[in-house]
Structures are given as structure tokens and as C-alpha cells.
Amino acid sequence: MALSLDATDRRIVLATQKGLPLCARPYHAVAEDLGLDPAEVQARIRRMLETGVIRRIGVVPNHYALGFRGNGMSVWDVPDDRIEELGRRVGDLDFVSHCYHRPRFLPEWPYNLFAMVHGRDRDEVRAKVAQVAEVIGDADRGHDVLFSTRILKKTGLRLVA
């Protein structure tokens, strides 16, 4: 089902899609900039979250600026009937920023579970991937780490004015 934005929702999305203001009351600052009541801004954002128009609101730290330069996507071949359970357990690890299921492309690509691991260097990432292997246990039928070499894009979909 396609969801639509009214003009006010669209203004709120445009005002917040690059991030909320870094202040004590960010929704109030957005409301003031848009000439709206803060309670209306919060209610509209809550509704857009509940209906899936907005997927989430969260902090997105710049891990490179924080010294985490050894970033690697760990890829795992695990039984399909355990992907949900294992994905949840791996995703709960504090050093995994995101974890998801992807289709295999056999015979070249047997991996179906992906988990992004951050560390200060590649050795730290490898040590953390070893911890992931412990969580996955005997369900690990093979894995690898694809290390980042550069940042290409760090944004999601953006509305244009």
C-alpha cells in the first residue's frame, strides 16, 4: 500500500532528513523553523514512524571520525532455517552495526547472512568476526570478511524540495 505525505509532513521530512538539530529540544527547533507547534511536529513524526513512512530515528555516528577505520562486512553461509535466529543473535552484538539476510547466488556466492563489524583496525575486526563465529557455532558453513576501502555513500533516500 502506498502511503502519501501531505504538505506539512513533506516539510517536516525535508527539514529533518539530513539530521535533527543538535540542541536540547530538536523537535521544538524544527517546529520553530517551520512555523508549527512542537506537539504537532512530534505527533506527525510519531504517525510517520508508526505507518512506516519513516523507518527509524537514530544517531548515526561517523565511525571513521571516532577512530574505527577497520570496517568489514562479514558474510556467512548458515542454514536457511536458522537465519532469523542467528541473525537476531549476531545483530545483538554491540560491535555489529547492522545484520541482514541476503539471497545466495550459487555456486559463486554461498553467503546468506551479512553483518557489518567495526574496529579500530583490520586485526580488531578479525577478532570480532571470530566472536561472531562463536555465536554462530556449528551453523557456520563458511564465512569471509569484505573490508571497506573507501566510503561511497552514507545516506538513504532523500526527498527533493
C-alpha atoms as a PDB file:
ATOM      1  CA  MET A   1       0.000   0.000   0.000  1.00  0.00           C
ATOM      2  CA  ALA A   2       1.475   3.367  -0.993  1.00  0.00           C
ATOM      3  CA  LEU A   3       1.449   5.949   1.758  1.00  0.00           C
ATOM      4  CA  SER A   4       1.243   9.633   0.981  1.00  0.00           C
ATOM      5  CA  LEU A   5       2.575  12.722   2.672  1.00  0.00           C
ATOM      6  CA  ASP A   6       0.581  15.889   2.989  1.00  0.00           C
ATOM      7  CA  ALA A   7       2.350  19.215   2.511  1.00  0.00           C
ATOM      8  CA  THR A   8       3.152  19.579   6.225  1.00  0.00           C
ATOM      9  CA  ASP A   9       4.528  16.037   6.526  1.00  0.00           C
ATOM     10  CA  ARG A  10       6.701  16.703   3.484  1.00  0.00           C
ATOM     11  CA  ARG A  11       8.048  19.926   5.024  1.00  0.00           C
ATOM     12  CA  ILE A  12       8.917  18.028   8.220  1.00  0.00           C
ATOM     13  CA  VAL A  13      10.707  15.280   6.285  1.00  0.00           C
ATOM     14  CA  LEU A  14      12.631  17.838   4.218  1.00  0.00           C
ATOM     15  CA  ALA A  15      13.635  19.697   7.386  1.00  0.00           C
ATOM     16  CA  THR A  16      14.844  16.573   9.205  1.00  0.00           C
ATOM     17  CA  GLN A  17      16.162  14.170   6.565  1.00  0.00           C
ATOM     18  CA  LYS A  18      19.761  15.348   6.932  1.00  0.00           C
ATOM     19  CA  GLY A  19      19.545  15.119  10.704  1.00  0.00           C
ATOM     20  CA  LEU A  20      17.891  16.736  13.663  1.00  0.00           C
ATOM     21  CA  PRO A  21      19.351  19.940  15.095  1.00  0.00           C
ATOM     22  CA  LEU A  22      21.982  19.316  17.772  1.00  0.00           C
ATOM     23  CA  CYS A  23      20.259  21.084  20.644  1.00  0.00           C
ATOM     24  CA  ALA A  24      18.379  20.250  23.831  1.00  0.00           C
ATOM     25  CA  ARG A  25      14.943  20.326  22.137  1.00  0.00           C
ATOM     26  CA  PRO A  26      15.395  19.365  18.471  1.00  0.00           C
ATOM     27  CA  TYR A  27      11.698  18.930  17.691  1.00  0.00           C
ATOM     28  CA  HIS A  28      10.975  22.368  19.081  1.00  0.00           C
ATOM     29  CA  ALA A  29      13.721  23.823  16.864  1.00  0.00           C
ATOM     30  CA  VAL A  30      12.243  22.109  13.794  1.00  0.00           C
ATOM     31  CA  ALA A  31       8.775  23.345  14.728  1.00  0.00           C
ATOM     32  CA  GLU A  32      10.038  26.893  15.151  1.00  0.00           C
ATOM     33  CA  ASP A  33      11.817  26.803  11.773  1.00  0.00           C
ATOM     34  CA  LEU A  34       8.623  25.556  10.095  1.00  0.00           C
ATOM     35  CA  GLY A  35       6.209  27.794  11.997  1.00  0.00           C
ATOM     36  CA  LEU A  36       4.458  24.804  13.589  1.00  0.00           C
ATOM     37  CA  ASP A  37       3.555  23.733  17.099  1.00  0.00           C
ATOM     38  CA  PRO A  38       6.156  21.335  18.583  1.00  0.00           C
ATOM     39  CA  ALA A  39       3.405  18.905  19.652  1.00  0.00           C
ATOM     40  CA  GLU A  40       2.168  18.731  16.053  1.00  0.00           C
ATOM     41  CA  VAL A  41       5.684  18.022  14.745  1.00  0.00           C
ATOM     42  CA  GLN A  42       6.142  15.243  17.297  1.00  0.00           C
ATOM     43  CA  ALA A  43       2.691  13.747  16.596  1.00  0.00           C
ATOM     44  CA  ARG A  44       3.275  13.777  12.844  1.00  0.00           C
ATOM     45  CA  ILE A  45       6.711  12.180  13.177  1.00  0.00           C
ATOM     46  CA  ARG A  46       5.256   9.534  15.519  1.00  0.00           C
ATOM     47  CA  ARG A  47       2.495   8.779  12.975  1.00  0.00           C
ATOM     48  CA  MET A  48       5.011   8.567  10.115  1.00  0.00           C
ATOM     49  CA  LEU A  49       7.082   6.104  12.191  1.00  0.00           C
ATOM     50  CA  GLU A  50       4.015   4.007  13.030  1.00  0.00           C
ATOM     51  CA  THR A  51       2.885   3.854   9.386  1.00  0.00           C
ATOM     52  CA  GLY A  52       6.367   3.120   8.032  1.00  0.00           C
ATOM     53  CA  VAL A  53       6.813   6.380   6.129  1.00  0.00           C
ATOM     54  CA  ILE A  54       9.846   6.920   8.388  1.00  0.00           C
ATOM     55  CA  ARG A  55      11.632   3.688   9.277  1.00  0.00           C
ATOM     56  CA  ARG A  56      13.593   4.908  12.262  1.00  0.00           C
ATOM     57  CA  ILE A  57      15.167   7.845  14.005  1.00  0.00           C
ATOM     58  CA  GLY A  58      18.599   7.234  15.423  1.00  0.00           C
ATOM     59  CA  VAL A  59      22.089   8.508  15.904  1.00  0.00           C
ATOM     60  CA  VAL A  60      24.438   7.803  13.005  1.00  0.00           C
ATOM     61  CA  PRO A  61      27.956   8.376  14.293  1.00  0.00           C
ATOM     62  CA  ASN A  62      30.819   8.869  11.857  1.00  0.00           C
ATOM     63  CA  HIS A  63      32.797   5.775  12.819  1.00  0.00           C
ATOM     64  CA  TYR A  64      35.838   6.932  10.816  1.00  0.00           C
ATOM     65  CA  ALA A  65      35.996  10.179  12.825  1.00  0.00           C
ATOM     66  CA  LEU A  66      35.711   8.095  16.015  1.00  0.00           C
ATOM     67  CA  GLY A  67      38.788   6.076  15.001  1.00  0.00           C
ATOM     68  CA  PHE A  68      37.019   2.957  13.694  1.00  0.00           C
ATOM     69  CA  ARG A  69      38.846   2.530  10.388  1.00  0.00           C
ATOM     70  CA  GLY A  70      38.958  -1.265  10.090  1.00  0.00           C
ATOM     71  CA  ASN A  71      35.406  -1.850   8.894  1.00  0.00           C
ATOM     72  CA  GLY A  72      34.384  -5.121   7.327  1.00  0.00           C
ATOM     73  CA  MET A  73      31.230  -6.782   6.110  1.00  0.00           C
ATOM     74  CA  SER A  74      31.314 -10.317   7.439  1.00  0.00           C
ATOM     75  CA  VAL A  75      29.448 -12.750   5.201  1.00  0.00           C
ATOM     76  CA  TRP A  76      28.213 -16.122   6.418  1.00  0.00           C
ATOM     77  CA  ASP A  77      26.837 -19.312   4.946  1.00  0.00           C
ATOM     78  CA  VAL A  78      24.312 -20.542   7.505  1.00  0.00           C
ATOM     79  CA  PRO A  79      21.322 -22.876   7.195  1.00  0.00           C
ATOM     80  CA  ASP A  80      18.303 -21.020   5.823  1.00  0.00           C
ATOM     81  CA  ASP A  81      16.046 -22.434   8.523  1.00  0.00           C
ATOM     82  CA  ARG A  82      18.215 -20.753  11.200  1.00  0.00           C
ATOM     83  CA  ILE A  83      18.765 -17.382   9.515  1.00  0.00           C
ATOM     84  CA  GLU A  84      16.254 -15.488  11.651  1.00  0.00           C
ATOM     85  CA  GLU A  85      17.522 -16.866  14.963  1.00  0.00           C
ATOM     86  CA  LEU A  86      21.200 -16.429  14.066  1.00  0.00           C
ATOM     87  CA  GLY A  87      20.658 -13.002  12.519  1.00  0.00           C
ATOM     88  CA  ARG A  88      18.986 -11.792  15.699  1.00  0.00           C
ATOM     89  CA  ARG A  89      21.806 -13.133  17.888  1.00  0.00           C
ATOM     90  CA  VAL A  90      24.542 -11.667  15.677  1.00  0.00           C
ATOM     91  CA  GLY A  91      22.697  -8.357  15.328  1.00  0.00           C
ATOM     92  CA  ASP A  92      22.531  -8.076  19.120  1.00  0.00           C
ATOM     93  CA  LEU A  93      26.343  -7.947  19.382  1.00  0.00           C
ATOM     94  CA  ASP A  94      27.401  -4.430  20.334  1.00  0.00           C
ATOM     95  CA  PHE A  95      30.080  -4.222  17.630  1.00  0.00           C
ATOM     96  CA  VAL A  96      27.714  -5.198  14.779  1.00  0.00           C
ATOM     97  CA  SER A  97      26.072  -2.086  13.321  1.00  0.00           C
ATOM     98  CA  HIS A  98      23.695  -3.930  11.017  1.00  0.00           C
ATOM     99  CA  CYS A  99      22.888  -7.521  10.179  1.00  0.00           C
ATOM    100  CA  TYR A 100      20.626  -8.829   7.447  1.00  0.00           C
ATOM    101  CA  HIS A 101      19.622 -11.729   5.227  1.00  0.00           C
ATOM    102  CA  ARG A 102      20.570 -11.679   1.536  1.00  0.00           C
ATOM    103  CA  PRO A 103      19.996 -14.269  -1.180  1.00  0.00           C
ATOM    104  CA  ARG A 104      22.730 -16.673  -2.175  1.00  0.00           C
ATOM    105  CA  PHE A 105      23.979 -16.762  -5.768  1.00  0.00           C
ATOM    106  CA  LEU A 106      25.234 -20.303  -6.101  1.00  0.00           C
ATOM    107  CA  PRO A 107      27.726 -21.585  -6.894  1.00  0.00           C
ATOM    108  CA  GLU A 108      29.766 -18.359  -6.813  1.00  0.00           C
ATOM    109  CA  TRP A 109      28.235 -16.774  -3.697  1.00  0.00           C
ATOM    110  CA  PRO A 110      27.109 -19.126  -0.905  1.00  0.00           C
ATOM    111  CA  TYR A 111      26.610 -16.442   1.762  1.00  0.00           C
ATOM    112  CA  ASN A 112      23.178 -15.540   3.095  1.00  0.00           C
ATOM    113  CA  LEU A 113      23.859 -13.672   6.370  1.00  0.00           C
ATOM    114  CA  PHE A 114      25.673 -10.322   6.363  1.00  0.00           C
ATOM    115  CA  ALA A 115      26.937  -8.480   9.464  1.00  0.00           C
ATOM    116  CA  MET A 116      28.849  -5.184   9.427  1.00  0.00           C
ATOM    117  CA  VAL A 117      31.643  -5.195  12.000  1.00  0.00           C
ATOM    118  CA  HIS A 118      33.576  -2.095  13.068  1.00  0.00           C
ATOM    119  CA  GLY A 119      37.001  -1.959  14.665  1.00  0.00           C
ATOM    120  CA  ARG A 120      39.965   0.362  15.008  1.00  0.00           C
ATOM    121  CA  ASP A 121      41.910  -1.767  12.518  1.00  0.00           C
ATOM    122  CA  ARG A 122      41.523  -4.955  10.486  1.00  0.00           C
ATOM    123  CA  ASP A 123      43.004  -7.146  13.212  1.00  0.00           C
ATOM    124  CA  GLU A 124      40.350  -5.941  15.647  1.00  0.00           C
ATOM    125  CA  VAL A 125      37.650  -6.655  13.059  1.00  0.00           C
ATOM    126  CA  ARG A 126      39.038 -10.161  12.519  1.00  0.00           C
ATOM    127  CA  ALA A 127      38.959 -10.767  16.301  1.00  0.00           C
ATOM    128  CA  LYS A 128      35.349  -9.611  16.437  1.00  0.00           C
ATOM    129  CA  VAL A 129      34.439 -11.810  13.457  1.00  0.00           C
ATOM    130  CA  ALA A 130      35.884 -14.709  15.466  1.00  0.00           C
ATOM    131  CA  GLN A 131      33.406 -13.773  18.223  1.00  0.00           C
ATOM    132  CA  VAL A 132      30.596 -13.844  15.656  1.00  0.00           C
ATOM    133  CA  ALA A 133      31.801 -17.316  14.632  1.00  0.00           C
ATOM    134  CA  GLU A 134      31.459 -18.420  18.265  1.00  0.00           C
ATOM    135  CA  VAL A 135      27.865 -17.145  18.336  1.00  0.00           C
ATOM    136  CA  ILE A 136      27.027 -18.935  15.083  1.00  0.00           C
ATOM    137  CA  GLY A 137      28.799 -22.099  16.223  1.00  0.00           C
ATOM    138  CA  ASP A 138      28.385 -25.238  14.135  1.00  0.00           C
ATOM    139  CA  ALA A 139      25.874 -23.471  11.891  1.00  0.00           C
ATOM    140  CA  ASP A 140      28.857 -21.665  10.282  1.00  0.00           C
ATOM    141  CA  ARG A 141      29.356 -23.462   6.972  1.00  0.00           C
ATOM    142  CA  GLY A 142      31.852 -20.846   5.797  1.00  0.00           C
ATOM    143  CA  HIS A 143      32.450 -17.131   6.090  1.00  0.00           C
ATOM    144  CA  ASP A 144      34.634 -14.278   4.881  1.00  0.00           C
ATOM    145  CA  VAL A 145      35.228 -10.598   5.618  1.00  0.00           C
ATOM    146  CA  LEU A 146      34.977  -7.935   2.931  1.00  0.00           C
ATOM    147  CA  PHE A 147      36.928  -4.913   4.171  1.00  0.00           C
ATOM    148  CA  SER A 148      35.909  -1.378   3.302  1.00  0.00           C
ATOM    149  CA  THR A 149      38.439   0.504   1.210  1.00  0.00           C
ATOM    150  CA  ARG A 150      36.548   3.788   0.826  1.00  0.00           C
ATOM    151  CA  ILE A 151      33.245   5.484   1.642  1.00  0.00           C
ATOM    152  CA  LEU A 152      30.941   5.735  -1.348  1.00  0.00           C
ATOM    153  CA  LYS A 153      27.622   6.931   0.074  1.00  0.00           C
ATOM    154  CA  LYS A 154      26.316   7.339   3.596  1.00  0.00           C
ATOM    155  CA  THR A 155      22.730   8.487   3.048  1.00  0.00           C
ATOM    156  CA  GLY A 156      19.392   6.900   2.425  1.00  0.00           C
ATOM    157  CA  LEU A 157      16.645   8.104   0.149  1.00  0.00           C
ATOM    158  CA  ARG A 158      16.251  11.890   0.181  1.00  0.00           C
ATOM    159  CA  LEU A 159      13.206  13.898  -0.872  1.00  0.00           C
ATOM    160  CA  VAL A 160      13.873  16.926  -3.049  1.00  0.00           C
ATOM    161  CA  ALA A 161      12.162  20.221  -2.383  1.00  0.00           C
END
